[in-house]
PDB file of N, CA and C in Angstrom:
ATOM      1  N   MET A   1      -5.625 -12.008 -16.622  1.00  0.00           N
ATOM      2  CA  MET A   1      -4.226 -12.123 -16.287  1.00  0.00           C
ATOM      3  C   MET A   1      -4.063 -11.852 -14.793  1.00  0.00           C
ATOM      4  N   ALA A   2      -3.344 -12.688 -14.096  1.00  0.00           N
ATOM      5  CA  ALA A   2      -3.164 -12.557 -12.661  1.00  0.00           C
ATOM      6  C   ALA A   2      -2.215 -11.407 -12.338  1.00  0.00           C
ATOM      7  N   ARG A   3      -2.538 -10.696 -11.268  1.00  0.00           N
ATOM      8  CA  ARG A   3      -1.685  -9.598 -10.823  1.00  0.00           C
ATOM      9  C   ARG A   3      -0.560 -10.148  -9.962  1.00  0.00           C
ATOM     10  N   LYS A   4       0.601  -9.580 -10.124  1.00  0.00           N
ATOM     11  CA  LYS A   4       1.717  -9.974  -9.277  1.00  0.00           C
ATOM     12  C   LYS A   4       1.798  -8.982  -8.134  1.00  0.00           C
ATOM     13  N   ARG A   5       1.921  -9.499  -6.939  1.00  0.00           N
ATOM     14  CA  ARG A   5       2.050  -8.663  -5.751  1.00  0.00           C
ATOM     15  C   ARG A   5       3.519  -8.545  -5.396  1.00  0.00           C
ATOM     16  N   TYR A   6       3.983  -7.338  -5.263  1.00  0.00           N
ATOM     17  CA  TYR A   6       5.364  -7.106  -4.887  1.00  0.00           C
ATOM     18  C   TYR A   6       5.442  -6.745  -3.410  1.00  0.00           C
ATOM     19  N   THR A   7       6.486  -7.196  -2.749  1.00  0.00           N
ATOM     20  CA  THR A   7       6.714  -6.816  -1.359  1.00  0.00           C
ATOM     21  C   THR A   7       7.292  -5.409  -1.348  1.00  0.00           C
ATOM     22  N   PRO A   8       7.185  -4.711  -0.202  1.00  0.00           N
ATOM     23  CA  PRO A   8       7.783  -3.375  -0.144  1.00  0.00           C
ATOM     24  C   PRO A   8       9.279  -3.378  -0.483  1.00  0.00           C
ATOM     25  N   GLU A   9       9.981  -4.432  -0.088  1.00  0.00           N
ATOM     26  CA  GLU A   9      11.407  -4.517  -0.391  1.00  0.00           C
ATOM     27  C   GLU A   9      11.646  -4.591  -1.895  1.00  0.00           C
ATOM     28  N   GLN A  10      10.816  -5.380  -2.581  1.00  0.00           N
ATOM     29  CA  GLN A  10      10.944  -5.509  -4.034  1.00  0.00           C
ATOM     30  C   GLN A  10      10.608  -4.191  -4.722  1.00  0.00           C
ATOM     31  N   ILE A  11       9.589  -3.505  -4.221  1.00  0.00           N
ATOM     32  CA  ILE A  11       9.190  -2.231  -4.820  1.00  0.00           C
ATOM     33  C   ILE A  11      10.315  -1.214  -4.689  1.00  0.00           C
ATOM     34  N   ILE A  12      10.911  -1.128  -3.516  1.00  0.00           N
ATOM     35  CA  ILE A  12      11.999  -0.175  -3.308  1.00  0.00           C
ATOM     36  C   ILE A  12      13.179  -0.521  -4.210  1.00  0.00           C
ATOM     37  N   GLN A  13      13.478  -1.800  -4.352  1.00  0.00           N
ATOM     38  CA  GLN A  13      14.567  -2.214  -5.242  1.00  0.00           C
ATOM     39  C   GLN A  13      14.252  -1.839  -6.685  1.00  0.00           C
ATOM     40  N   HIS A  14      13.016  -2.043  -7.123  1.00  0.00           N
ATOM     41  CA  HIS A  14      12.630  -1.664  -8.488  1.00  0.00           C
ATOM     42  C   HIS A  14      12.738  -0.149  -8.673  1.00  0.00           C
ATOM     43  N   LEU A  15      12.316   0.619  -7.670  1.00  0.00           N
ATOM     44  CA  LEU A  15      12.419   2.075  -7.777  1.00  0.00           C
ATOM     45  C   LEU A  15      13.878   2.516  -7.877  1.00  0.00           C
ATOM     46  N   ARG A  16      14.757   1.865  -7.147  1.00  0.00           N
ATOM     47  CA  ARG A  16      16.188   2.194  -7.245  1.00  0.00           C
ATOM     48  C   ARG A  16      16.724   1.862  -8.627  1.00  0.00           C
ATOM     49  N   THR A  17      16.288   0.736  -9.170  1.00  0.00           N
ATOM     50  CA  THR A  17      16.711   0.354 -10.516  1.00  0.00           C
ATOM     51  C   THR A  17      16.255   1.394 -11.530  1.00  0.00           C
ATOM     52  N   VAL A  18      15.011   1.837 -11.406  1.00  0.00           N
ATOM     53  CA  VAL A  18      14.486   2.854 -12.325  1.00  0.00           C
ATOM     54  C   VAL A  18      15.294   4.147 -12.196  1.00  0.00           C
ATOM     55  N   GLU A  19      15.611   4.544 -10.962  1.00  0.00           N
ATOM     56  CA  GLU A  19      16.397   5.769 -10.771  1.00  0.00           C
ATOM     57  C   GLU A  19      17.774   5.646 -11.415  1.00  0.00           C
ATOM     58  N   LEU A  20      18.405   4.487 -11.271  1.00  0.00           N
ATOM     59  CA  LEU A  20      19.716   4.271 -11.884  1.00  0.00           C
ATOM     60  C   LEU A  20      19.631   4.350 -13.402  1.00  0.00           C
ATOM     61  N   GLU A  21      18.607   3.719 -13.961  1.00  0.00           N
ATOM     62  CA  GLU A  21      18.444   3.733 -15.416  1.00  0.00           C
ATOM     63  C   GLU A  21      18.158   5.142 -15.922  1.00  0.00           C
ATOM     64  N   GLN A  22      17.379   5.897 -15.184  1.00  0.00           N
ATOM     65  CA  GLN A  22      17.103   7.272 -15.586  1.00  0.00           C
ATOM     66  C   GLN A  22      18.365   8.118 -15.484  1.00  0.00           C
ATOM     67  N   GLY A  23      19.209   7.818 -14.499  1.00  0.00           N
ATOM     68  CA  GLY A  23      20.479   8.523 -14.376  1.00  0.00           C
ATOM     69  C   GLY A  23      21.396   8.259 -15.556  1.00  0.00           C
ATOM     70  N   ARG A  24      21.245   7.119 -16.173  1.00  0.00           N
ATOM     71  CA  ARG A  24      22.023   6.768 -17.357  1.00  0.00           C
ATOM     72  C   ARG A  24      21.408   7.320 -18.639  1.00  0.00           C
ATOM     73  N   GLY A  25      20.277   8.021 -18.510  1.00  0.00           N
ATOM     74  CA  GLY A  25      19.663   8.649 -19.673  1.00  0.00           C
ATOM     75  C   GLY A  25      18.490   7.900 -20.268  1.00  0.00           C
ATOM     76  N   MET A  26      18.057   6.835 -19.630  1.00  0.00           N
ATOM     77  CA  MET A  26      16.921   6.064 -20.145  1.00  0.00           C
ATOM     78  C   MET A  26      15.618   6.770 -19.779  1.00  0.00           C
ATOM     79  N   LYS A  27      14.652   6.712 -20.674  1.00  0.00           N
ATOM     80  CA  LYS A  27      13.344   7.295 -20.395  1.00  0.00           C
ATOM     81  C   LYS A  27      12.630   6.475 -19.329  1.00  0.00           C
ATOM     82  N   LEU A  28      11.700   7.120 -18.617  1.00  0.00           N
ATOM     83  CA  LEU A  28      10.951   6.453 -17.554  1.00  0.00           C
ATOM     84  C   LEU A  28      10.144   5.278 -18.109  1.00  0.00           C
ATOM     85  N   GLU A  29       9.535   5.466 -19.283  1.00  0.00           N
ATOM     86  CA  GLU A  29       8.745   4.400 -19.890  1.00  0.00           C
ATOM     87  C   GLU A  29       9.608   3.172 -20.178  1.00  0.00           C
ATOM     88  N   ASP A  30      10.818   3.424 -20.686  1.00  0.00           N
ATOM     89  CA  ASP A  30      11.724   2.315 -21.006  1.00  0.00           C
ATOM     90  C   ASP A  30      12.214   1.618 -19.746  1.00  0.00           C
ATOM     91  N   ALA A  31      12.488   2.391 -18.693  1.00  0.00           N
ATOM     92  CA  ALA A  31      12.931   1.803 -17.423  1.00  0.00           C
ATOM     93  C   ALA A  31      11.821   0.946 -16.817  1.00  0.00           C
ATOM     94  N   ALA A  32      10.574   1.418 -16.908  1.00  0.00           N
ATOM     95  CA  ALA A  32       9.441   0.650 -16.395  1.00  0.00           C
ATOM     96  C   ALA A  32       9.299  -0.651 -17.175  1.00  0.00           C
ATOM     97  N   ARG A  33       9.442  -0.571 -18.479  1.00  0.00           N
ATOM     98  CA  ARG A  33       9.347  -1.764 -19.308  1.00  0.00           C
ATOM     99  C   ARG A  33      10.469  -2.750 -18.964  1.00  0.00           C
ATOM    100  N   LYS A  34      11.649  -2.233 -18.656  1.00  0.00           N
ATOM    101  CA  LYS A  34      12.789  -3.089 -18.340  1.00  0.00           C
ATOM    102  C   LYS A  34      12.537  -3.931 -17.087  1.00  0.00           C
ATOM    103  N   ILE A  35      11.877  -3.334 -16.071  1.00  0.00           N
ATOM    104  CA  ILE A  35      11.610  -4.102 -14.846  1.00  0.00           C
ATOM    105  C   ILE A  35      10.291  -4.862 -14.931  1.00  0.00           C
ATOM    106  N   GLY A  36       9.538  -4.647 -16.001  1.00  0.00           N
ATOM    107  CA  GLY A  36       8.338  -5.449 -16.249  1.00  0.00           C
ATOM    108  C   GLY A  36       7.068  -4.933 -15.602  1.00  0.00           C
ATOM    109  N   VAL A  37       6.978  -3.620 -15.398  1.00  0.00           N
ATOM    110  CA  VAL A  37       5.749  -3.040 -14.847  1.00  0.00           C
ATOM    111  C   VAL A  37       5.305  -1.885 -15.735  1.00  0.00           C
ATOM    112  N   HIS A  38       4.096  -1.448 -15.520  1.00  0.00           N
ATOM    113  CA  HIS A  38       3.524  -0.345 -16.288  1.00  0.00           C
ATOM    114  C   HIS A  38       4.049   0.976 -15.746  1.00  0.00           C
ATOM    115  N   LEU A  39       4.074   1.978 -16.600  1.00  0.00           N
ATOM    116  CA  LEU A  39       4.533   3.309 -16.205  1.00  0.00           C
ATOM    117  C   LEU A  39       3.722   3.848 -15.035  1.00  0.00           C
ATOM    118  N   GLN A  40       2.409   3.656 -15.063  1.00  0.00           N
ATOM    119  CA  GLN A  40       1.549   4.148 -13.995  1.00  0.00           C
ATOM    120  C   GLN A  40       1.889   3.474 -12.667  1.00  0.00           C
ATOM    121  N   THR A  41       2.328   2.238 -12.711  1.00  0.00           N
ATOM    122  CA  THR A  41       2.722   1.538 -11.491  1.00  0.00           C
ATOM    123  C   THR A  41       3.936   2.217 -10.865  1.00  0.00           C
ATOM    124  N   ILE A  42       4.901   2.595 -11.686  1.00  0.00           N
ATOM    125  CA  ILE A  42       6.086   3.299 -11.181  1.00  0.00           C
ATOM    126  C   ILE A  42       5.680   4.611 -10.526  1.00  0.00           C
ATOM    127  N   ILE A  43       4.786   5.333 -11.160  1.00  0.00           N
ATOM    128  CA  ILE A  43       4.342   6.623 -10.619  1.00  0.00           C
ATOM    129  C   ILE A  43       3.636   6.419  -9.283  1.00  0.00           C
ATOM    130  N   ARG A  44       2.781   5.395  -9.200  1.00  0.00           N
ATOM    131  CA  ARG A  44       2.078   5.106  -7.944  1.00  0.00           C
ATOM    132  C   ARG A  44       3.063   4.692  -6.853  1.00  0.00           C
ATOM    133  N   TRP A  45       4.024   3.851  -7.205  1.00  0.00           N
ATOM    134  CA  TRP A  45       5.028   3.417  -6.234  1.00  0.00           C
ATOM    135  C   TRP A  45       5.849   4.596  -5.734  1.00  0.00           C
ATOM    136  N   ARG A  46       6.197   5.511  -6.636  1.00  0.00           N
ATOM    137  CA  ARG A  46       6.966   6.684  -6.208  1.00  0.00           C
ATOM    138  C   ARG A  46       6.177   7.529  -5.224  1.00  0.00           C
ATOM    139  N   LYS A  47       4.884   7.641  -5.470  1.00  0.00           N
ATOM    140  CA  LYS A  47       4.039   8.425  -4.579  1.00  0.00           C
ATOM    141  C   LYS A  47       3.985   7.790  -3.191  1.00  0.00           C
ATOM    142  N   GLU A  48       3.906   6.466  -3.146  1.00  0.00           N
ATOM    143  CA  GLU A  48       3.768   5.768  -1.862  1.00  0.00           C
ATOM    144  C   GLU A  48       5.106   5.496  -1.182  1.00  0.00           C
ATOM    145  N   TYR A  49       6.107   5.099  -1.957  1.00  0.00           N
ATOM    146  CA  TYR A  49       7.367   4.652  -1.375  1.00  0.00           C
ATOM    147  C   TYR A  49       8.545   5.575  -1.664  1.00  0.00           C
ATOM    148  N   GLY A  50       8.322   6.684  -2.339  1.00  0.00           N
ATOM    149  CA  GLY A  50       9.425   7.558  -2.705  1.00  0.00           C
ATOM    150  C   GLY A  50      10.214   8.029  -1.491  1.00  0.00           C
ATOM    151  N   GLY A  51      11.506   7.790  -1.494  1.00  0.00           N
ATOM    152  CA  GLY A  51      12.367   8.234  -0.411  1.00  0.00           C
ATOM    153  C   GLY A  51      12.435   7.304   0.785  1.00  0.00           C
ATOM    154  N   LEU A  52      11.683   6.224   0.773  1.00  0.00           N
ATOM    155  CA  LEU A  52      11.706   5.299   1.904  1.00  0.00           C
ATOM    156  C   LEU A  52      12.815   4.273   1.747  1.00  0.00           C
ATOM    157  N   ARG A  53      13.311   3.826   2.870  1.00  0.00           N
ATOM    158  CA  ARG A  53      14.254   2.707   2.890  1.00  0.00           C
ATOM    159  C   ARG A  53      13.471   1.460   3.294  1.00  0.00           C
ATOM    160  N   VAL A  54      14.081   0.308   3.191  1.00  0.00           N
ATOM    161  CA  VAL A  54      13.401  -0.959   3.441  1.00  0.00           C
ATOM    162  C   VAL A  54      12.805  -1.033   4.854  1.00  0.00           C
ATOM    163  N   PRO A  55      13.550  -0.695   5.924  1.00  0.00           N
ATOM    164  CA  PRO A  55      12.938  -0.779   7.265  1.00  0.00           C
ATOM    165  C   PRO A  55      11.727   0.154   7.427  1.00  0.00           C
ATOM    166  N   GLN A  56      11.811   1.327   6.817  1.00  0.00           N
ATOM    167  CA  GLN A  56      10.690   2.266   6.892  1.00  0.00           C
ATOM    168  C   GLN A  56       9.476   1.731   6.142  1.00  0.00           C
ATOM    169  N   ALA A  57       9.704   1.093   5.015  1.00  0.00           N
ATOM    170  CA  ALA A  57       8.594   0.526   4.238  1.00  0.00           C
ATOM    171  C   ALA A  57       7.939  -0.615   5.001  1.00  0.00           C
ATOM    172  N   LYS A  58       8.746  -1.452   5.661  1.00  0.00           N
ATOM    173  CA  LYS A  58       8.184  -2.538   6.462  1.00  0.00           C
ATOM    174  C   LYS A  58       7.320  -1.967   7.585  1.00  0.00           C
ATOM    175  N   LYS A  59       7.811  -0.948   8.259  1.00  0.00           N
ATOM    176  CA  LYS A  59       7.066  -0.327   9.355  1.00  0.00           C
ATOM    177  C   LYS A  59       5.765   0.283   8.824  1.00  0.00           C
ATOM    178  N   LEU A  60       5.818   0.918   7.658  1.00  0.00           N
ATOM    179  CA  LEU A  60       4.622   1.505   7.049  1.00  0.00           C
ATOM    180  C   LEU A  60       3.563   0.437   6.804  1.00  0.00           C
ATOM    181  N   LYS A  61       3.948  -0.696   6.242  1.00  0.00           N
ATOM    182  CA  LYS A  61       2.989  -1.765   5.972  1.00  0.00           C
ATOM    183  C   LYS A  61       2.418  -2.342   7.266  1.00  0.00           C
ATOM    184  N   GLU A  62       3.263  -2.479   8.295  1.00  0.00           N
ATOM    185  CA  GLU A  62       2.773  -2.969   9.585  1.00  0.00           C
ATOM    186  C   GLU A  62       1.743  -2.011  10.166  1.00  0.00           C
ATOM    187  N   LEU A  63       2.021  -0.724  10.081  1.00  0.00           N
ATOM    188  CA  LEU A  63       1.082   0.272  10.603  1.00  0.00           C
ATOM    189  C   LEU A  63      -0.220   0.282   9.807  1.00  0.00           C
ATOM    190  N   GLU A  64      -0.135   0.094   8.494  1.00  0.00           N
ATOM    191  CA  GLU A  64      -1.353   0.043   7.687  1.00  0.00           C
ATOM    192  C   GLU A  64      -2.210  -1.161   8.064  1.00  0.00           C
ATOM    193  N   LYS A  65      -1.581  -2.309   8.304  1.00  0.00           N
ATOM    194  CA  LYS A  65      -2.327  -3.494   8.729  1.00  0.00           C
ATOM    195  C   LYS A  65      -2.982  -3.272  10.087  1.00  0.00           C
ATOM    196  N   GLU A  66      -2.235  -2.701  11.015  1.00  0.00           N
ATOM    197  CA  GLU A  66      -2.766  -2.434  12.356  1.00  0.00           C
ATOM    198  C   GLU A  66      -3.933  -1.455  12.278  1.00  0.00           C
ATOM    199  N   ASN A  67      -3.800  -0.434  11.438  1.00  0.00           N
ATOM    200  CA  ASN A  67      -4.859   0.551  11.273  1.00  0.00           C
ATOM    201  C   ASN A  67      -6.123  -0.099  10.720  1.00  0.00           C
ATOM    202  N   ALA A  68      -5.981  -0.975   9.745  1.00  0.00           N
ATOM    203  CA  ALA A  68      -7.139  -1.666   9.179  1.00  0.00           C
ATOM    204  C   ALA A  68      -7.811  -2.546  10.232  1.00  0.00           C
ATOM    205  N   ARG A  69      -7.008  -3.231  11.040  1.00  0.00           N
ATOM    206  CA  ARG A  69      -7.561  -4.085  12.092  1.00  0.00           C
ATOM    207  C   ARG A  69      -8.338  -3.252  13.112  1.00  0.00           C
ATOM    208  N   LEU A  70      -7.774  -2.111  13.498  1.00  0.00           N
ATOM    209  CA  LEU A  70      -8.456  -1.252  14.474  1.00  0.00           C
ATOM    210  C   LEU A  70      -9.745  -0.657  13.898  1.00  0.00           C
ATOM    211  N   LYS A  71      -9.742  -0.322  12.618  1.00  0.00           N
ATOM    212  CA  LYS A  71     -10.958   0.199  11.987  1.00  0.00           C
ATOM    213  C   LYS A  71     -12.071  -0.843  11.995  1.00  0.00           C
ATOM    214  N   ARG A  72     -11.714  -2.100  11.707  1.00  0.00           N
ATOM    215  CA  ARG A  72     -12.716  -3.176  11.756  1.00  0.00           C
ATOM    216  C   ARG A  72     -13.242  -3.342  13.179  1.00  0.00           C
ATOM    217  N   LEU A  73     -12.362  -3.257  14.153  1.00  0.00           N
ATOM    218  CA  LEU A  73     -12.752  -3.397  15.546  1.00  0.00           C
ATOM    219  C   LEU A  73     -13.726  -2.295  15.960  1.00  0.00           C
ATOM    220  N   VAL A  74     -13.434  -1.072  15.568  1.00  0.00           N
ATOM    221  CA  VAL A  74     -14.319   0.054  15.889  1.00  0.00           C
ATOM    222  C   VAL A  74     -15.668  -0.114  15.201  1.00  0.00           C
ATOM    223  N   ALA A  75     -15.670  -0.572  13.959  1.00  0.00           N
ATOM    224  CA  ALA A  75     -16.929  -0.776  13.239  1.00  0.00           C
ATOM    225  C   ALA A  75     -17.774  -1.843  13.923  1.00  0.00           C
ATOM    226  N   ASP A  76     -17.137  -2.931  14.358  1.00  0.00           N
ATOM    227  CA  ASP A  76     -17.866  -3.988  15.066  1.00  0.00           C
ATOM    228  C   ASP A  76     -18.440  -3.467  16.378  1.00  0.00           C
ATOM    229  N   MET A  77     -17.661  -2.689  17.100  1.00  0.00           N
ATOM    230  CA  MET A  77     -18.140  -2.153  18.380  1.00  0.00           C
ATOM    231  C   MET A  77     -19.295  -1.170  18.177  1.00  0.00           C
ATOM    232  N   ALA A  78     -19.227  -0.361  17.127  1.00  0.00           N
ATOM    233  CA  ALA A  78     -20.304   0.576  16.839  1.00  0.00           C
ATOM    234  C   ALA A  78     -21.587  -0.179  16.509  1.00  0.00           C
ATOM    235  N   LEU A  79     -21.470  -1.258  15.758  1.00  0.00           N
ATOM    236  CA  LEU A  79     -22.629  -2.082  15.428  1.00  0.00           C
ATOM    237  C   LEU A  79     -23.213  -2.711  16.692  1.00  0.00           C
ATOM    238  N   ASP A  80     -22.347  -3.236  17.550  1.00  0.00           N
ATOM    239  CA  ASP A  80     -22.815  -3.810  18.823  1.00  0.00           C
ATOM    240  C   ASP A  80     -23.533  -2.762  19.667  1.00  0.00           C
ATOM    241  N   ASN A  81     -22.991  -1.558  19.719  1.00  0.00           N
ATOM    242  CA  ASN A  81     -23.625  -0.484  20.496  1.00  0.00           C
ATOM    243  C   ASN A  81     -25.000  -0.132  19.940  1.00  0.00           C
ATOM    244  N   ALA A  82     -25.103  -0.093  18.605  1.00  0.00           N
ATOM    245  CA  ALA A  82     -26.388   0.231  17.992  1.00  0.00           C
ATOM    246  C   ALA A  82     -27.423  -0.844  18.308  1.00  0.00           C
ATOM    247  N   VAL A  83     -27.019  -2.099  18.257  1.00  0.00           N
ATOM    248  CA  VAL A  83     -27.939  -3.202  18.573  1.00  0.00           C
ATOM    249  C   VAL A  83     -28.371  -3.121  20.027  1.00  0.00           C
ATOM    250  N   LEU A  84     -27.438  -2.883  20.927  1.00  0.00           N
ATOM    251  CA  LEU A  84     -27.764  -2.775  22.339  1.00  0.00           C
ATOM    252  C   LEU A  84     -28.688  -1.603  22.620  1.00  0.00           C
ATOM    253  N   LYS A  85     -28.484  -0.513  21.915  1.00  0.00           N
ATOM    254  CA  LYS A  85     -29.347   0.678  22.082  1.00  0.00           C
ATOM    255  C   LYS A  85     -30.767   0.350  21.640  1.00  0.00           C
ATOM    256  N   ASP A  86     -30.892  -0.339  20.506  1.00  0.00           N
ATOM    257  CA  ASP A  86     -32.218  -0.718  20.010  1.00  0.00           C
ATOM    258  C   ASP A  86     -32.913  -1.666  20.993  1.00  0.00           C
ATOM    259  N   VAL A  87     -32.187  -2.603  21.543  1.00  0.00           N
ATOM    260  CA  VAL A  87     -32.769  -3.548  22.490  1.00  0.00           C
ATOM    261  C   VAL A  87     -33.189  -2.825  23.757  1.00  0.00           C
ATOM    262  N   ALA A  88     -32.365  -1.881  24.223  1.00  0.00           N
ATOM    263  CA  ALA A  88     -32.682  -1.141  25.440  1.00  0.00           C
ATOM    264  C   ALA A  88     -33.943  -0.275  25.263  1.00  0.00           C
ATOM    265  N   GLU A  89     -34.143   0.229  24.060  1.00  0.00           N
ATOM    266  CA  GLU A  89     -35.308   1.074  23.790  1.00  0.00           C
ATOM    267  C   GLU A  89     -36.541   0.243  23.462  1.00  0.00           C
ATOM    268  N   GLY A  90     -36.363  -1.033  23.258  1.00  0.00           N
ATOM    269  CA  GLY A  90     -37.486  -1.908  22.948  1.00  0.00           C
ATOM    270  C   GLY A  90     -37.807  -1.940  21.483  1.00  0.00           C
ATOM    271  N   ASN A  91     -36.904  -1.482  20.626  1.00  0.00           N
ATOM    272  CA  ASN A  91     -37.124  -1.463  19.175  1.00  0.00           C
ATOM    273  C   ASN A  91     -36.451  -2.658  18.520  1.00  0.00           C
ATOM    274  N   PHE A  92     -36.989  -3.811  18.766  1.00  0.00           N
ATOM    275  CA  PHE A  92     -36.362  -4.988  18.158  1.00  0.00           C
ATOM    276  C   PHE A  92     -37.344  -5.820  17.427  1.00  0.00           C
TER     277      PHE A  92
END
């Protein structure tokens, strides 16, 4: 079964819906079922997006992408340095 990817905006909207339903007395499991996700997904989303607004969530995702890009860049540079060190020492 294919996984559905939700945007941060959709996740925040779903979390608000769950909060409203819980305020009306609905159980968390029932609220999760109503929006079509698993209970564990709601718990994970609350951990990551709890208390965030849409602009903050967008900024968070942008920073995560930038961080991943910089990590790849550092890994590539470290590999290049190791190769250059081996060549300089004559170990090739």
